[in-house]
PDB file of all heavy atoms in Angstrom:
ATOM      1  N   CYS A   1      81.949  80.622  94.631  1.00  0.00           N
ATOM      2  CA  CYS A   1      81.253  81.469  95.598  1.00  0.00           C
ATOM      3  C   CYS A   1      81.462  82.981  95.224  1.00  0.00           C
ATOM      4  O   CYS A   1      82.364  83.308  94.478  1.00  0.00           O
ATOM      5  CB  CYS A   1      81.822  81.267  97.006  1.00  0.00           C
ATOM      6  SG  CYS A   1      83.551  81.724  97.141  1.00  0.00           S
ATOM      7  N   SER A   2      80.564  83.787  95.608  1.00  0.00           N
ATOM      8  CA  SER A   2      80.624  85.244  95.401  1.00  0.00           C
ATOM      9  C   SER A   2      81.228  85.682  94.113  1.00  0.00           C
ATOM     10  O   SER A   2      82.404  86.085  94.045  1.00  0.00           O
ATOM     11  CB  SER A   2      81.389  85.814  96.621  1.00  0.00           C
ATOM     12  OG  SER A   2      81.445  87.221  96.527  1.00  0.00           O
ATOM     13  N   GLU A   3      80.504  85.594  93.020  1.00  0.00           N
ATOM     14  CA  GLU A   3      80.948  85.930  91.710  1.00  0.00           C
ATOM     15  C   GLU A   3      82.091  85.014  91.197  1.00  0.00           C
ATOM     16  O   GLU A   3      81.815  83.880  90.858  1.00  0.00           O
ATOM     17  CB  GLU A   3      81.406  87.386  91.617  1.00  0.00           C
ATOM     18  CG  GLU A   3      80.297  88.384  91.949  1.00  0.00           C
ATOM     19  CD  GLU A   3      80.775  89.787  92.036  1.00  0.00           C
ATOM     20  OE1 GLU A   3      81.884  90.069  91.539  1.00  0.00           O
ATOM     21  OE2 GLU A   3      80.088  90.596  92.591  1.00  0.00           O
ATOM     22  N   ASN A   4      83.312  85.464  91.182  1.00  0.00           N
ATOM     23  CA  ASN A   4      84.425  84.698  90.619  1.00  0.00           C
ATOM     24  C   ASN A   4      85.279  83.979  91.676  1.00  0.00           C
ATOM     25  O   ASN A   4      86.367  83.526  91.376  1.00  0.00           O
ATOM     26  CB  ASN A   4      85.420  85.623  89.851  1.00  0.00           C
ATOM     27  CG  ASN A   4      84.685  86.325  88.760  1.00  0.00           C
ATOM     28  OD1 ASN A   4      83.478  86.160  88.526  1.00  0.00           O
ATOM     29  ND2 ASN A   4      85.385  87.253  88.065  1.00  0.00           N
ATOM     30  N   GLY A   5      84.792  83.887  92.886  1.00  0.00           N
ATOM     31  CA  GLY A   5      85.597  83.275  93.935  1.00  0.00           C
ATOM     32  C   GLY A   5      85.545  81.732  94.044  1.00  0.00           C
ATOM     33  O   GLY A   5      84.739  81.103  93.478  1.00  0.00           O
ATOM     34  N   LEU A   6      86.471  81.220  94.858  1.00  0.00           N
ATOM     35  CA  LEU A   6      86.578  79.781  95.126  1.00  0.00           C
ATOM     36  C   LEU A   6      86.667  79.620  96.633  1.00  0.00           C
ATOM     37  O   LEU A   6      87.390  80.339  97.326  1.00  0.00           O
ATOM     38  CB  LEU A   6      87.791  79.195  94.430  1.00  0.00           C
ATOM     39  CG  LEU A   6      87.749  78.890  92.934  1.00  0.00           C
ATOM     40  CD1 LEU A   6      89.052  78.439  92.534  1.00  0.00           C
ATOM     41  CD2 LEU A   6      86.657  77.950  92.641  1.00  0.00           C
ATOM     42  N   CYS A   7      86.013  78.557  97.172  1.00  0.00           N
ATOM     43  CA  CYS A   7      86.163  78.309  98.580  1.00  0.00           C
ATOM     44  C   CYS A   7      87.429  77.500  98.791  1.00  0.00           C
ATOM     45  O   CYS A   7      87.726  76.531  98.095  1.00  0.00           O
ATOM     46  CB  CYS A   7      84.958  77.382  99.032  1.00  0.00           C
ATOM     47  SG  CYS A   7      83.422  78.270  98.966  1.00  0.00           S
ATOM     48  N   ARG A   8      88.238  77.967  99.758  1.00  0.00           N
ATOM     49  CA  ARG A   8      89.500  77.297 100.094  1.00  0.00           C
ATOM     50  C   ARG A   8      89.688  77.277 101.612  1.00  0.00           C
ATOM     51  O   ARG A   8      89.072  78.044 102.332  1.00  0.00           O
ATOM     52  CB  ARG A   8      90.671  78.066  99.488  1.00  0.00           C
ATOM     53  CG  ARG A   8      90.611  78.041  97.985  1.00  0.00           C
ATOM     54  CD  ARG A   8      91.940  78.374  97.413  1.00  0.00           C
ATOM     55  NE  ARG A   8      91.858  78.185  95.978  1.00  0.00           N
ATOM     56  CZ  ARG A   8      92.562  78.850  95.119  1.00  0.00           C
ATOM     57  NH1 ARG A   8      93.423  79.716  95.517  1.00  0.00           N
ATOM     58  NH2 ARG A   8      92.364  78.621  93.827  1.00  0.00           N
ATOM     59  N   LEU A   9      90.658  76.494 102.040  1.00  0.00           N
ATOM     60  CA  LEU A   9      91.050  76.524 103.508  1.00  0.00           C
ATOM     61  C   LEU A   9      91.617  77.866 103.839  1.00  0.00           C
ATOM     62  O   LEU A   9      91.383  78.361 104.930  1.00  0.00           O
ATOM     63  CB  LEU A   9      91.943  75.383 103.827  1.00  0.00           C
ATOM     64  CG  LEU A   9      91.356  73.951 103.667  1.00  0.00           C
ATOM     65  CD1 LEU A   9      92.450  72.889 103.815  1.00  0.00           C
ATOM     66  CD2 LEU A   9      90.288  73.759 104.685  1.00  0.00           C
ATOM     67  N   GLU A  10      92.446  78.417 102.980  1.00  0.00           N
ATOM     68  CA  GLU A  10      93.110  79.686 103.266  1.00  0.00           C
ATOM     69  C   GLU A  10      93.464  80.325 101.911  1.00  0.00           C
ATOM     70  O   GLU A  10      93.878  79.655 100.973  1.00  0.00           O
ATOM     71  CB  GLU A  10      94.377  79.417 104.025  1.00  0.00           C
ATOM     72  CG  GLU A  10      95.119  80.645 104.493  1.00  0.00           C
ATOM     73  CD  GLU A  10      96.331  80.336 105.363  1.00  0.00           C
ATOM     74  OE1 GLU A  10      96.376  79.233 105.893  1.00  0.00           O
ATOM     75  OE2 GLU A  10      97.185  81.236 105.405  1.00  0.00           O
ATOM     76  N   CYS A  11      93.276  81.659 101.842  1.00  0.00           N
ATOM     77  CA  CYS A  11      93.551  82.392 100.583  1.00  0.00           C
ATOM     78  C   CYS A  11      95.071  82.456 100.362  1.00  0.00           C
ATOM     79  O   CYS A  11      95.825  82.551 101.337  1.00  0.00           O
ATOM     80  CB  CYS A  11      92.987  83.761 100.649  1.00  0.00           C
ATOM     81  SG  CYS A  11      91.181  83.788 100.665  1.00  0.00           S
ATOM     82  N   TYR A  12      95.475  82.427  99.143  1.00  0.00           N
ATOM     83  CA  TYR A  12      96.878  82.592  98.804  1.00  0.00           C
ATOM     84  C   TYR A  12      97.267  84.103  98.932  1.00  0.00           C
ATOM     85  O   TYR A  12      96.392  84.979  99.050  1.00  0.00           O
ATOM     86  CB  TYR A  12      97.147  82.173  97.364  1.00  0.00           C
ATOM     87  CG  TYR A  12      96.948  80.714  97.090  1.00  0.00           C
ATOM     88  CD1 TYR A  12      96.172  80.274  96.053  1.00  0.00           C
ATOM     89  CD2 TYR A  12      97.483  79.718  97.929  1.00  0.00           C
ATOM     90  CE1 TYR A  12      95.920  78.919  95.763  1.00  0.00           C
ATOM     91  CE2 TYR A  12      97.223  78.363  97.678  1.00  0.00           C
ATOM     92  CZ  TYR A  12      96.452  77.987  96.633  1.00  0.00           C
ATOM     93  OH  TYR A  12      96.279  76.661  96.374  1.00  0.00           O
ATOM     94  N   GLY A  13      98.526  84.369  98.868  1.00  0.00           N
ATOM     95  CA  GLY A  13      98.979  85.801  98.968  1.00  0.00           C
ATOM     96  C   GLY A  13      98.497  86.696  97.867  1.00  0.00           C
ATOM     97  O   GLY A  13      98.305  87.901  98.086  1.00  0.00           O
ATOM     98  N   SER A  14      98.234  86.130  96.711  1.00  0.00           N
ATOM     99  CA  SER A  14      97.809  86.898  95.544  1.00  0.00           C
ATOM    100  C   SER A  14      96.283  87.008  95.465  1.00  0.00           C
ATOM    101  O   SER A  14      95.731  87.596  94.543  1.00  0.00           O
ATOM    102  CB  SER A  14      98.311  86.296  94.254  1.00  0.00           C
ATOM    103  OG  SER A  14      97.771  84.987  94.098  1.00  0.00           O
ATOM    104  N   GLU A  15      95.622  86.534  96.490  1.00  0.00           N
ATOM    105  CA  GLU A  15      94.171  86.526  96.519  1.00  0.00           C
ATOM    106  C   GLU A  15      93.635  87.347  97.708  1.00  0.00           C
ATOM    107  O   GLU A  15      94.344  87.678  98.662  1.00  0.00           O
ATOM    108  CB  GLU A  15      93.587  85.111  96.637  1.00  0.00           C
ATOM    109  CG  GLU A  15      93.933  84.234  95.461  1.00  0.00           C
ATOM    110  CD  GLU A  15      93.422  82.805  95.635  1.00  0.00           C
ATOM    111  OE1 GLU A  15      93.380  82.357  96.839  1.00  0.00           O
ATOM    112  OE2 GLU A  15      93.144  82.211  94.639  1.00  0.00           O
ATOM    113  N   MET A  16      92.334  87.709  97.571  1.00  0.00           N
ATOM    114  CA  MET A  16      91.706  88.518  98.630  1.00  0.00           C
ATOM    115  C   MET A  16      90.483  87.796  99.166  1.00  0.00           C
ATOM    116  O   MET A  16      89.740  87.172  98.392  1.00  0.00           O
ATOM    117  CB  MET A  16      91.280  89.847  98.025  1.00  0.00           C
ATOM    118  CG  MET A  16      90.660  90.783  99.046  1.00  0.00           C
ATOM    119  SD  MET A  16      90.336  92.363  98.265  1.00  0.00           S
ATOM    120  CE  MET A  16      88.906  92.798  99.078  1.00  0.00           C
ATOM    121  N   LEU A  17      90.341  87.827 100.480  1.00  0.00           N
ATOM    122  CA  LEU A  17      89.204  87.201 101.128  1.00  0.00           C
ATOM    123  C   LEU A  17      88.009  88.118 100.960  1.00  0.00           C
ATOM    124  O   LEU A  17      88.077  89.243 101.335  1.00  0.00           O
ATOM    125  CB  LEU A  17      89.517  86.999 102.639  1.00  0.00           C
ATOM    126  CG  LEU A  17      88.339  86.525 103.515  1.00  0.00           C
ATOM    127  CD1 LEU A  17      87.951  85.171 103.143  1.00  0.00           C
ATOM    128  CD2 LEU A  17      88.750  86.584 104.949  1.00  0.00           C
ATOM    129  N   VAL A  18      86.908  87.580 100.369  1.00  0.00           N
ATOM    130  CA  VAL A  18      85.763  88.419 100.146  1.00  0.00           C
ATOM    131  C   VAL A  18      84.545  87.928 100.941  1.00  0.00           C
ATOM    132  O   VAL A  18      83.577  88.671 101.138  1.00  0.00           O
ATOM    133  CB  VAL A  18      85.373  88.486  98.647  1.00  0.00           C
ATOM    134  CG1 VAL A  18      86.404  89.201  97.885  1.00  0.00           C
ATOM    135  CG2 VAL A  18      85.162  87.102  98.068  1.00  0.00           C
ATOM    136  N   ALA A  19      84.523  86.653 101.418  1.00  0.00           N
ATOM    137  CA  ALA A  19      83.390  86.099 102.143  1.00  0.00           C
ATOM    138  C   ALA A  19      83.819  84.772 102.813  1.00  0.00           C
ATOM    139  O   ALA A  19      84.971  84.360 102.618  1.00  0.00           O
ATOM    140  CB  ALA A  19      82.195  85.908 101.220  1.00  0.00           C
ATOM    141  N   TYR A  20      82.908  84.163 103.543  1.00  0.00           N
ATOM    142  CA  TYR A  20      83.175  82.896 104.092  1.00  0.00           C
ATOM    143  C   TYR A  20      82.203  81.897 103.551  1.00  0.00           C
ATOM    144  O   TYR A  20      81.035  82.168 103.320  1.00  0.00           O
ATOM    145  CB  TYR A  20      83.090  82.942 105.631  1.00  0.00           C
ATOM    146  CG  TYR A  20      84.261  83.515 106.293  1.00  0.00           C
ATOM    147  CD1 TYR A  20      84.230  84.880 106.639  1.00  0.00           C
ATOM    148  CD2 TYR A  20      85.377  82.799 106.472  1.00  0.00           C
ATOM    149  CE1 TYR A  20      85.370  85.464 107.228  1.00  0.00           C
ATOM    150  CE2 TYR A  20      86.550  83.382 107.090  1.00  0.00           C
ATOM    151  CZ  TYR A  20      86.547  84.674 107.440  1.00  0.00           C
ATOM    152  OH  TYR A  20      87.619  85.237 108.000  1.00  0.00           O
ATOM    153  N   CYS A  21      82.690  80.665 103.311  1.00  0.00           N
ATOM    154  CA  CYS A  21      81.821  79.591 102.844  1.00  0.00           C
ATOM    155  C   CYS A  21      81.460  78.699 104.032  1.00  0.00           C
ATOM    156  O   CYS A  21      81.792  79.050 105.134  1.00  0.00           O
ATOM    157  CB  CYS A  21      82.572  78.690 101.837  1.00  0.00           C
ATOM    158  SG  CYS A  21      83.252  79.611 100.446  1.00  0.00           S
ATOM    159  N   MET A  22      80.774  77.576 103.766  1.00  0.00           N
ATOM    160  CA  MET A  22      80.454  76.665 104.898  1.00  0.00           C
ATOM    161  C   MET A  22      81.708  76.054 105.500  1.00  0.00           C
ATOM    162  O   MET A  22      82.778  76.054 104.891  1.00  0.00           O
ATOM    163  CB  MET A  22      79.565  75.488 104.330  1.00  0.00           C
ATOM    164  CG  MET A  22      78.168  75.969 103.938  1.00  0.00           C
ATOM    165  SD  MET A  22      77.203  74.612 103.246  1.00  0.00           S
ATOM    166  CE  MET A  22      76.984  73.630 104.718  1.00  0.00           C
ATOM    167  N   PHE A  23      81.620  75.592 106.679  1.00  0.00           N
ATOM    168  CA  PHE A  23      82.727  74.939 107.464  1.00  0.00           C
ATOM    169  C   PHE A  23      83.898  75.921 107.628  1.00  0.00           C
ATOM    170  O   PHE A  23      85.057  75.435 107.634  1.00  0.00           O
ATOM    171  CB  PHE A  23      83.182  73.624 106.741  1.00  0.00           C
ATOM    172  CG  PHE A  23      82.010  72.656 106.602  1.00  0.00           C
ATOM    173  CD1 PHE A  23      81.575  72.439 105.312  1.00  0.00           C
ATOM    174  CD2 PHE A  23      81.469  72.013 107.656  1.00  0.00           C
ATOM    175  CE1 PHE A  23      80.516  71.487 105.111  1.00  0.00           C
ATOM    176  CE2 PHE A  23      80.439  71.146 107.472  1.00  0.00           C
ATOM    177  CZ  PHE A  23      79.960  70.874 106.201  1.00  0.00           C
ATOM    178  N   GLN A  24      83.705  77.188 107.749  1.00  0.00           N
ATOM    179  CA  GLN A  24      84.718  78.203 107.956  1.00  0.00           C
ATOM    180  C   GLN A  24      85.778  78.223 106.821  1.00  0.00           C
ATOM    181  O   GLN A  24      86.921  78.618 107.051  1.00  0.00           O
ATOM    182  CB  GLN A  24      85.421  78.039 109.287  1.00  0.00           C
ATOM    183  CG  GLN A  24      84.430  78.272 110.414  1.00  0.00           C
ATOM    184  CD  GLN A  24      85.103  78.111 111.817  1.00  0.00           C
ATOM    185  OE1 GLN A  24      86.191  77.679 111.930  1.00  0.00           O
ATOM    186  NE2 GLN A  24      84.384  78.602 112.803  1.00  0.00           N
ATOM    187  N   LEU A  25      85.407  77.855 105.630  1.00  0.00           N
ATOM    188  CA  LEU A  25      86.290  78.002 104.455  1.00  0.00           C
ATOM    189  C   LEU A  25      86.253  79.448 104.020  1.00  0.00           C
ATOM    190  O   LEU A  25      85.263  80.131 104.208  1.00  0.00           O
ATOM    191  CB  LEU A  25      85.862  77.070 103.346  1.00  0.00           C
ATOM    192  CG  LEU A  25      86.000  75.571 103.629  1.00  0.00           C
ATOM    193  CD1 LEU A  25      85.362  74.772 102.497  1.00  0.00           C
ATOM    194  CD2 LEU A  25      87.368  75.095 103.926  1.00  0.00           C
ATOM    195  N   GLU A  26      87.274  79.897 103.349  1.00  0.00           N
ATOM    196  CA  GLU A  26      87.374  81.264 102.855  1.00  0.00           C
ATOM    197  C   GLU A  26      87.010  81.343 101.389  1.00  0.00           C
ATOM    198  O   GLU A  26      87.454  80.493 100.600  1.00  0.00           O
ATOM    199  CB  GLU A  26      88.757  81.804 103.090  1.00  0.00           C
ATOM    200  CG  GLU A  26      89.151  81.873 104.546  1.00  0.00           C
ATOM    201  CD  GLU A  26      90.533  82.432 104.837  1.00  0.00           C
ATOM    202  OE1 GLU A  26      91.328  82.535 103.827  1.00  0.00           O
ATOM    203  OE2 GLU A  26      90.827  82.756 105.964  1.00  0.00           O
TER     204      GLU A  26
END
């Protein structure tokens, strides 16, 4: 998602939330 991002349930501490995916994934 969004360039180099990955959809996850919750972002890790070393990651930044940049958008939302389907089903309220980050």
